[in-house]
Amino acid sequence: MPAVTIRNLSDETHRALKVRAAQHNRSTEAEMRAILEAAVRPEGRLRLGSALAEMSRKIGLTNADVETLEKGRDTRAAEPLRFE
């Protein structure tokens, strides 16, 4: 698992992190991980699969529609390009 070192952190910030960690009953390192996770992976982020499923529901796409599309699809392997 990757490790991160944070340099030049002010004493005030370090103290605030320690206090916040104590309030949440975890170590300072665990608190920093939680803060970073919340910052880069917010709960309301767009999830592609969920977004596509929602779009399908809105337009009324059914399993029968998907099966029809699959039947009409060319399943043969593509011919590679020739550069001759």
PDB file of N, CA and C in Angstrom:
ATOM      1  N   MET A   1       0.845  -1.172   0.000  1.00  0.00           N
ATOM      2  CA  MET A   1       0.000   0.000   0.000  1.00  0.00           C
ATOM      3  C   MET A   1       0.895   1.242   0.000  1.00  0.00           C
ATOM      4  N   PRO A   2       0.564   2.249  -0.792  1.00  0.00           N
ATOM      5  CA  PRO A   2       1.391   3.447  -0.857  1.00  0.00           C
ATOM      6  C   PRO A   2       1.418   4.208   0.472  1.00  0.00           C
ATOM      7  N   ALA A   3       2.509   4.886   0.693  1.00  0.00           N
ATOM      8  CA  ALA A   3       2.658   5.729   1.882  1.00  0.00           C
ATOM      9  C   ALA A   3       2.887   7.159   1.427  1.00  0.00           C
ATOM     10  N   VAL A   4       2.426   8.105   2.220  1.00  0.00           N
ATOM     11  CA  VAL A   4       2.558   9.527   1.897  1.00  0.00           C
ATOM     12  C   VAL A   4       3.205  10.223   3.079  1.00  0.00           C
ATOM     13  N   THR A   5       4.146  11.105   2.802  1.00  0.00           N
ATOM     14  CA  THR A   5       4.767  11.917   3.837  1.00  0.00           C
ATOM     15  C   THR A   5       4.360  13.357   3.609  1.00  0.00           C
ATOM     16  N   ILE A   6       3.907  14.021   4.657  1.00  0.00           N
ATOM     17  CA  ILE A   6       3.530  15.430   4.554  1.00  0.00           C
ATOM     18  C   ILE A   6       4.575  16.245   5.296  1.00  0.00           C
ATOM     19  N   ARG A   7       5.256  17.085   4.559  1.00  0.00           N
ATOM     20  CA  ARG A   7       6.313  17.915   5.148  1.00  0.00           C
ATOM     21  C   ARG A   7       5.786  19.328   5.416  1.00  0.00           C
ATOM     22  N   ASN A   8       6.451  20.005   6.308  1.00  0.00           N
ATOM     23  CA  ASN A   8       6.199  21.421   6.616  1.00  0.00           C
ATOM     24  C   ASN A   8       4.764  21.673   7.087  1.00  0.00           C
ATOM     25  N   LEU A   9       4.211  20.729   7.824  1.00  0.00           N
ATOM     26  CA  LEU A   9       2.894  20.906   8.418  1.00  0.00           C
ATOM     27  C   LEU A   9       3.067  21.772   9.659  1.00  0.00           C
ATOM     28  N   SER A  10       2.271  22.814   9.771  1.00  0.00           N
ATOM     29  CA  SER A  10       2.434  23.717  10.917  1.00  0.00           C
ATOM     30  C   SER A  10       2.059  23.002  12.215  1.00  0.00           C
ATOM     31  N   ASP A  11       2.632  23.477  13.300  1.00  0.00           N
ATOM     32  CA  ASP A  11       2.337  22.896  14.616  1.00  0.00           C
ATOM     33  C   ASP A  11       0.844  23.019  14.941  1.00  0.00           C
ATOM     34  N   GLU A  12       0.250  24.164  14.555  1.00  0.00           N
ATOM     35  CA  GLU A  12      -1.170  24.391  14.828  1.00  0.00           C
ATOM     36  C   GLU A  12      -2.036  23.362  14.093  1.00  0.00           C
ATOM     37  N   THR A  13      -1.697  23.099  12.842  1.00  0.00           N
ATOM     38  CA  THR A  13      -2.450  22.130  12.055  1.00  0.00           C
ATOM     39  C   THR A  13      -2.290  20.736  12.639  1.00  0.00           C
ATOM     40  N   HIS A  14      -1.084  20.386  13.033  1.00  0.00           N
ATOM     41  CA  HIS A  14      -0.843  19.066  13.613  1.00  0.00           C
ATOM     42  C   HIS A  14      -1.624  18.895  14.909  1.00  0.00           C
ATOM     43  N   ARG A  15      -1.629  19.933  15.746  1.00  0.00           N
ATOM     44  CA  ARG A  15      -2.392  19.878  16.986  1.00  0.00           C
ATOM     45  C   ARG A  15      -3.892  19.731  16.697  1.00  0.00           C
ATOM     46  N   ALA A  16      -4.378  20.488  15.713  1.00  0.00           N
ATOM     47  CA  ALA A  16      -5.801  20.419  15.355  1.00  0.00           C
ATOM     48  C   ALA A  16      -6.164  19.018  14.854  1.00  0.00           C
ATOM     49  N   LEU A  17      -5.265  18.403  14.097  1.00  0.00           N
ATOM     50  CA  LEU A  17      -5.496  17.044  13.623  1.00  0.00           C
ATOM     51  C   LEU A  17      -5.573  16.062  14.786  1.00  0.00           C
ATOM     52  N   LYS A  18      -4.677  16.231  15.756  1.00  0.00           N
ATOM     53  CA  LYS A  18      -4.672  15.343  16.909  1.00  0.00           C
ATOM     54  C   LYS A  18      -5.961  15.488  17.718  1.00  0.00           C
ATOM     55  N   VAL A  19      -6.434  16.723  17.865  1.00  0.00           N
ATOM     56  CA  VAL A  19      -7.671  16.963  18.605  1.00  0.00           C
ATOM     57  C   VAL A  19      -8.850  16.341  17.861  1.00  0.00           C
ATOM     58  N   ARG A  20      -8.889  16.576  16.552  1.00  0.00           N
ATOM     59  CA  ARG A  20      -9.984  16.025  15.738  1.00  0.00           C
ATOM     60  C   ARG A  20      -9.971  14.501  15.781  1.00  0.00           C
ATOM     61  N   ALA A  21      -8.782  13.900  15.717  1.00  0.00           N
ATOM     62  CA  ALA A  21      -8.663  12.443  15.781  1.00  0.00           C
ATOM     63  C   ALA A  21      -9.186  11.933  17.127  1.00  0.00           C
ATOM     64  N   ALA A  22      -8.848  12.609  18.197  1.00  0.00           N
ATOM     65  CA  ALA A  22      -9.312  12.207  19.526  1.00  0.00           C
ATOM     66  C   ALA A  22     -10.836  12.299  19.615  1.00  0.00           C
ATOM     67  N   GLN A  23     -11.409  13.325  19.002  1.00  0.00           N
ATOM     68  CA  GLN A  23     -12.862  13.485  19.018  1.00  0.00           C
ATOM     69  C   GLN A  23     -13.562  12.336  18.280  1.00  0.00           C
ATOM     70  N   HIS A  24     -12.878  11.781  17.272  1.00  0.00           N
ATOM     71  CA  HIS A  24     -13.451  10.683  16.498  1.00  0.00           C
ATOM     72  C   HIS A  24     -12.942   9.314  16.976  1.00  0.00           C
ATOM     73  N   ASN A  25     -12.227   9.308  18.086  1.00  0.00           N
ATOM     74  CA  ASN A  25     -11.699   8.067  18.676  1.00  0.00           C
ATOM     75  C   ASN A  25     -10.839   7.272  17.708  1.00  0.00           C
ATOM     76  N   ARG A  26      -9.936   7.946  17.021  1.00  0.00           N
ATOM     77  CA  ARG A  26      -8.998   7.248  16.137  1.00  0.00           C
ATOM     78  C   ARG A  26      -7.642   7.928  16.190  1.00  0.00           C
ATOM     79  N   SER A  27      -6.653   7.271  15.594  1.00  0.00           N
ATOM     80  CA  SER A  27      -5.295   7.815  15.586  1.00  0.00           C
ATOM     81  C   SER A  27      -5.226   9.011  14.644  1.00  0.00           C
ATOM     82  N   THR A  28      -4.176   9.787  14.783  1.00  0.00           N
ATOM     83  CA  THR A  28      -3.984  10.936  13.894  1.00  0.00           C
ATOM     84  C   THR A  28      -3.837  10.463  12.454  1.00  0.00           C
ATOM     85  N   GLU A  29      -3.125   9.380  12.260  1.00  0.00           N
ATOM     86  CA  GLU A  29      -2.951   8.833  10.910  1.00  0.00           C
ATOM     87  C   GLU A  29      -4.289   8.392  10.320  1.00  0.00           C
ATOM     88  N   ALA A  30      -5.112   7.718  11.110  1.00  0.00           N
ATOM     89  CA  ALA A  30      -6.430   7.291  10.633  1.00  0.00           C
ATOM     90  C   ALA A  30      -7.305   8.501  10.319  1.00  0.00           C
ATOM     91  N   GLU A  31      -7.176   9.550  11.112  1.00  0.00           N
ATOM     92  CA  GLU A  31      -7.947  10.774  10.861  1.00  0.00           C
ATOM     93  C   GLU A  31      -7.532  11.421   9.540  1.00  0.00           C
ATOM     94  N   MET A  32      -6.228  11.452   9.279  1.00  0.00           N
ATOM     95  CA  MET A  32      -5.743  12.018   8.008  1.00  0.00           C
ATOM     96  C   MET A  32      -6.241  11.187   6.830  1.00  0.00           C
ATOM     97  N   ARG A  33      -6.252   9.860   6.976  1.00  0.00           N
ATOM     98  CA  ARG A  33      -6.782   9.002   5.904  1.00  0.00           C
ATOM     99  C   ARG A  33      -8.256   9.308   5.648  1.00  0.00           C
ATOM    100  N   ALA A  34      -9.016   9.469   6.725  1.00  0.00           N
ATOM    101  CA  ALA A  34     -10.448   9.760   6.583  1.00  0.00           C
ATOM    102  C   ALA A  34     -10.668  11.102   5.895  1.00  0.00           C
ATOM    103  N   ILE A  35      -9.886  12.089   6.249  1.00  0.00           N
ATOM    104  CA  ILE A  35     -10.004  13.418   5.633  1.00  0.00           C
ATOM    105  C   ILE A  35      -9.676  13.345   4.149  1.00  0.00           C
ATOM    106  N   LEU A  36      -8.596  12.645   3.797  1.00  0.00           N
ATOM    107  CA  LEU A  36      -8.209  12.518   2.388  1.00  0.00           C
ATOM    108  C   LEU A  36      -9.257  11.741   1.595  1.00  0.00           C
ATOM    109  N   GLU A  37      -9.766  10.644   2.168  1.00  0.00           N
ATOM    110  CA  GLU A  37     -10.812   9.858   1.495  1.00  0.00           C
ATOM    111  C   GLU A  37     -12.029  10.721   1.206  1.00  0.00           C
ATOM    112  N   ALA A  38     -12.468  11.486   2.195  1.00  0.00           N
ATOM    113  CA  ALA A  38     -13.654  12.325   2.026  1.00  0.00           C
ATOM    114  C   ALA A  38     -13.418  13.409   0.975  1.00  0.00           C
ATOM    115  N   ALA A  39     -12.188  13.886   0.876  1.00  0.00           N
ATOM    116  CA  ALA A  39     -11.879  14.963  -0.072  1.00  0.00           C
ATOM    117  C   ALA A  39     -11.821  14.468  -1.511  1.00  0.00           C
ATOM    118  N   VAL A  40     -11.249  13.296  -1.730  1.00  0.00           N
ATOM    119  CA  VAL A  40     -11.060  12.836  -3.109  1.00  0.00           C
ATOM    120  C   VAL A  40     -12.106  11.843  -3.570  1.00  0.00           C
ATOM    121  N   ARG A  41     -12.878  11.274  -2.648  1.00  0.00           N
ATOM    122  CA  ARG A  41     -13.931  10.323  -3.021  1.00  0.00           C
ATOM    123  C   ARG A  41     -15.234  10.715  -2.342  1.00  0.00           C
ATOM    124  N   PRO A  42     -15.784  11.858  -2.738  1.00  0.00           N
ATOM    125  CA  PRO A  42     -17.019  12.318  -2.081  1.00  0.00           C
ATOM    126  C   PRO A  42     -18.169  11.349  -2.322  1.00  0.00           C
ATOM    127  N   GLU A  43     -19.095  11.308  -1.371  1.00  0.00           N
ATOM    128  CA  GLU A  43     -20.211  10.384  -1.440  1.00  0.00           C
ATOM    129  C   GLU A  43     -21.100  10.630  -2.655  1.00  0.00           C
ATOM    130  N   GLY A  44     -21.243  11.879  -3.064  1.00  0.00           N
ATOM    131  CA  GLY A  44     -22.129  12.218  -4.165  1.00  0.00           C
ATOM    132  C   GLY A  44     -21.483  12.140  -5.530  1.00  0.00           C
ATOM    133  N   ARG A  45     -20.365  11.425  -5.657  1.00  0.00           N
ATOM    134  CA  ARG A  45     -19.677  11.379  -6.948  1.00  0.00           C
ATOM    135  C   ARG A  45     -20.495  10.575  -7.962  1.00  0.00           C
ATOM    136  N   LEU A  46     -20.299  10.885  -9.211  1.00  0.00           N
ATOM    137  CA  LEU A  46     -21.021  10.202 -10.278  1.00  0.00           C
ATOM    138  C   LEU A  46     -20.466   8.800 -10.457  1.00  0.00           C
ATOM    139  N   ARG A  47     -21.357   7.840 -10.451  1.00  0.00           N
ATOM    140  CA  ARG A  47     -20.983   6.448 -10.716  1.00  0.00           C
ATOM    141  C   ARG A  47     -21.575   6.089 -12.063  1.00  0.00           C
ATOM    142  N   LEU A  48     -20.722   5.753 -12.997  1.00  0.00           N
ATOM    143  CA  LEU A  48     -21.128   5.568 -14.381  1.00  0.00           C
ATOM    144  C   LEU A  48     -22.229   4.533 -14.539  1.00  0.00           C
ATOM    145  N   GLY A  49     -22.092   3.381 -13.923  1.00  0.00           N
ATOM    146  CA  GLY A  49     -23.103   2.339 -14.054  1.00  0.00           C
ATOM    147  C   GLY A  49     -24.460   2.791 -13.534  1.00  0.00           C
ATOM    148  N   SER A  50     -24.459   3.466 -12.392  1.00  0.00           N
ATOM    149  CA  SER A  50     -25.708   3.973 -11.825  1.00  0.00           C
ATOM    150  C   SER A  50     -26.326   5.033 -12.722  1.00  0.00           C
ATOM    151  N   ALA A  51     -25.485   5.902 -13.283  1.00  0.00           N
ATOM    152  CA  ALA A  51     -25.984   6.954 -14.174  1.00  0.00           C
ATOM    153  C   ALA A  51     -26.602   6.352 -15.432  1.00  0.00           C
ATOM    154  N   LEU A  52     -25.953   5.340 -16.005  1.00  0.00           N
ATOM    155  CA  LEU A  52     -26.493   4.705 -17.215  1.00  0.00           C
ATOM    156  C   LEU A  52     -27.805   3.971 -16.920  1.00  0.00           C
ATOM    157  N   ALA A  53     -27.877   3.298 -15.777  1.00  0.00           N
ATOM    158  CA  ALA A  53     -29.105   2.605 -15.400  1.00  0.00           C
ATOM    159  C   ALA A  53     -30.245   3.601 -15.218  1.00  0.00           C
ATOM    160  N   GLU A  54     -29.958   4.730 -14.595  1.00  0.00           N
ATOM    161  CA  GLU A  54     -30.978   5.756 -14.392  1.00  0.00           C
ATOM    162  C   GLU A  54     -31.463   6.323 -15.727  1.00  0.00           C
ATOM    163  N   MET A  55     -30.527   6.567 -16.648  1.00  0.00           N
ATOM    164  CA  MET A  55     -30.904   7.069 -17.973  1.00  0.00           C
ATOM    165  C   MET A  55     -31.795   6.064 -18.689  1.00  0.00           C
ATOM    166  N   SER A  56     -31.467   4.783 -18.580  1.00  0.00           N
ATOM    167  CA  SER A  56     -32.264   3.728 -19.221  1.00  0.00           C
ATOM    168  C   SER A  56     -33.674   3.697 -18.657  1.00  0.00           C
ATOM    169  N   ARG A  57     -33.789   3.847 -17.331  1.00  0.00           N
ATOM    170  CA  ARG A  57     -35.118   3.857 -16.710  1.00  0.00           C
ATOM    171  C   ARG A  57     -35.934   5.056 -17.180  1.00  0.00           C
ATOM    172  N   LYS A  58     -35.263   6.216 -17.304  1.00  0.00           N
ATOM    173  CA  LYS A  58     -35.972   7.431 -17.710  1.00  0.00           C
ATOM    174  C   LYS A  58     -36.540   7.319 -19.118  1.00  0.00           C
ATOM    175  N   ILE A  59     -35.811   6.685 -20.018  1.00  0.00           N
ATOM    176  CA  ILE A  59     -36.306   6.581 -21.396  1.00  0.00           C
ATOM    177  C   ILE A  59     -37.149   5.332 -21.604  1.00  0.00           C
ATOM    178  N   GLY A  60     -37.268   4.505 -20.566  1.00  0.00           N
ATOM    179  CA  GLY A  60     -38.127   3.330 -20.642  1.00  0.00           C
ATOM    180  C   GLY A  60     -37.498   2.132 -21.327  1.00  0.00           C
ATOM    181  N   LEU A  61     -36.182   2.044 -21.343  1.00  0.00           N
ATOM    182  CA  LEU A  61     -35.490   0.911 -21.954  1.00  0.00           C
ATOM    183  C   LEU A  61     -35.748  -0.341 -21.119  1.00  0.00           C
ATOM    184  N   THR A  62     -36.129  -1.425 -21.788  1.00  0.00           N
ATOM    185  CA  THR A  62     -36.423  -2.674 -21.086  1.00  0.00           C
ATOM    186  C   THR A  62     -35.402  -3.741 -21.457  1.00  0.00           C
ATOM    187  N   ASN A  63     -35.430  -4.856 -20.741  1.00  0.00           N
ATOM    188  CA  ASN A  63     -34.542  -5.970 -21.063  1.00  0.00           C
ATOM    189  C   ASN A  63     -34.817  -6.487 -22.471  1.00  0.00           C
ATOM    190  N   ALA A  64     -36.081  -6.462 -22.876  1.00  0.00           N
ATOM    191  CA  ALA A  64     -36.437  -6.916 -24.227  1.00  0.00           C
ATOM    192  C   ALA A  64     -35.777  -6.019 -25.276  1.00  0.00           C
ATOM    193  N   ASP A  65     -35.707  -4.719 -24.991  1.00  0.00           N
ATOM    194  CA  ASP A  65     -35.043  -3.788 -25.920  1.00  0.00           C
ATOM    195  C   ASP A  65     -33.558  -4.120 -26.042  1.00  0.00           C
ATOM    196  N   VAL A  66     -32.938  -4.393 -24.925  1.00  0.00           N
ATOM    197  CA  VAL A  66     -31.511  -4.713 -24.929  1.00  0.00           C
ATOM    198  C   VAL A  66     -31.269  -6.017 -25.685  1.00  0.00           C
ATOM    199  N   GLU A  67     -32.134  -7.005 -25.473  1.00  0.00           N
ATOM    200  CA  GLU A  67     -31.999  -8.284 -26.180  1.00  0.00           C
ATOM    201  C   GLU A  67     -32.143  -8.088 -27.691  1.00  0.00           C
ATOM    202  N   THR A  68     -33.057  -7.227 -28.106  1.00  0.00           N
ATOM    203  CA  THR A  68     -33.240  -6.937 -29.527  1.00  0.00           C
ATOM    204  C   THR A  68     -31.988  -6.285 -30.102  1.00  0.00           C
ATOM    205  N   LEU A  69     -31.416  -5.355 -29.363  1.00  0.00           N
ATOM    206  CA  LEU A  69     -30.182  -4.699 -29.819  1.00  0.00           C
ATOM    207  C   LEU A  69     -29.039  -5.712 -29.936  1.00  0.00           C
ATOM    208  N   GLU A  70     -28.951  -6.632 -28.978  1.00  0.00           N
ATOM    209  CA  GLU A  70     -27.901  -7.653 -29.004  1.00  0.00           C
ATOM    210  C   GLU A  70     -28.046  -8.567 -30.219  1.00  0.00           C
ATOM    211  N   LYS A  71     -29.276  -8.906 -30.575  1.00  0.00           N
ATOM    212  CA  LYS A  71     -29.516  -9.787 -31.725  1.00  0.00           C
ATOM    213  C   LYS A  71     -29.059  -9.138 -33.027  1.00  0.00           C
ATOM    214  N   GLY A  72     -29.212  -7.841 -33.130  1.00  0.00           N
ATOM    215  CA  GLY A  72     -28.849  -7.141 -34.351  1.00  0.00           C
ATOM    216  C   GLY A  72     -27.373  -6.794 -34.451  1.00  0.00           C
ATOM    217  N   ARG A  73     -26.629  -7.053 -33.392  1.00  0.00           N
ATOM    218  CA  ARG A  73     -25.209  -6.704 -33.360  1.00  0.00           C
ATOM    219  C   ARG A  73     -24.384  -7.726 -34.130  1.00  0.00           C
ATOM    220  N   ASP A  74     -23.395  -7.242 -34.858  1.00  0.00           N
ATOM    221  CA  ASP A  74     -22.488  -8.125 -35.597  1.00  0.00           C
ATOM    222  C   ASP A  74     -21.500  -8.724 -34.605  1.00  0.00           C
ATOM    223  N   THR A  75     -21.513 -10.034 -34.439  1.00  0.00           N
ATOM    224  CA  THR A  75     -20.652 -10.689 -33.449  1.00  0.00           C
ATOM    225  C   THR A  75     -19.384 -11.274 -34.056  1.00  0.00           C
ATOM    226  N   ARG A  76     -19.209 -11.075 -35.365  1.00  0.00           N
ATOM    227  CA  ARG A  76     -17.983 -11.598 -35.988  1.00  0.00           C
ATOM    228  C   ARG A  76     -16.774 -10.789 -35.511  1.00  0.00           C
ATOM    229  N   ALA A  77     -15.653 -11.442 -35.446  1.00  0.00           N
ATOM    230  CA  ALA A  77     -14.419 -10.761 -35.059  1.00  0.00           C
ATOM    231  C   ALA A  77     -14.055  -9.722 -36.120  1.00  0.00           C
ATOM    232  N   ALA A  78     -13.547  -8.611 -35.680  1.00  0.00           N
ATOM    233  CA  ALA A  78     -13.161  -7.548 -36.606  1.00  0.00           C
ATOM    234  C   ALA A  78     -11.905  -7.967 -37.379  1.00  0.00           C
ATOM    235  N   GLU A  79     -11.851  -7.563 -38.615  1.00  0.00           N
ATOM    236  CA  GLU A  79     -10.655  -7.827 -39.434  1.00  0.00           C
ATOM    237  C   GLU A  79      -9.592  -6.783 -39.053  1.00  0.00           C
ATOM    238  N   PRO A  80      -8.367  -7.238 -38.833  1.00  0.00           N
ATOM    239  CA  PRO A  80      -7.313  -6.288 -38.505  1.00  0.00           C
ATOM    240  C   PRO A  80      -6.998  -5.399 -39.697  1.00  0.00           C
ATOM    241  N   LEU A  81      -6.540  -4.192 -39.410  1.00  0.00           N
ATOM    242  CA  LEU A  81      -6.144  -3.274 -40.467  1.00  0.00           C
ATOM    243  C   LEU A  81      -4.890  -3.809 -41.154  1.00  0.00           C
ATOM    244  N   ARG A  82      -4.810  -3.568 -42.458  1.00  0.00           N
ATOM    245  CA  ARG A  82      -3.618  -3.978 -43.218  1.00  0.00           C
ATOM    246  C   ARG A  82      -2.922  -2.731 -43.720  1.00  0.00           C
ATOM    247  N   PHE A  83      -1.662  -2.630 -43.437  1.00  0.00           N
ATOM    248  CA  PHE A  83      -0.872  -1.476 -43.870  1.00  0.00           C
ATOM    249  C   PHE A  83       0.127  -1.919 -44.935  1.00  0.00           C
ATOM    250  N   GLU A  84      -0.377  -2.270 -46.085  1.00  0.00           N
ATOM    251  CA  GLU A  84       0.500  -2.755 -47.156  1.00  0.00           C
ATOM    252  C   GLU A  84       0.579  -1.771 -48.281  1.00  0.00           C
TER     253      GLU A  84
END
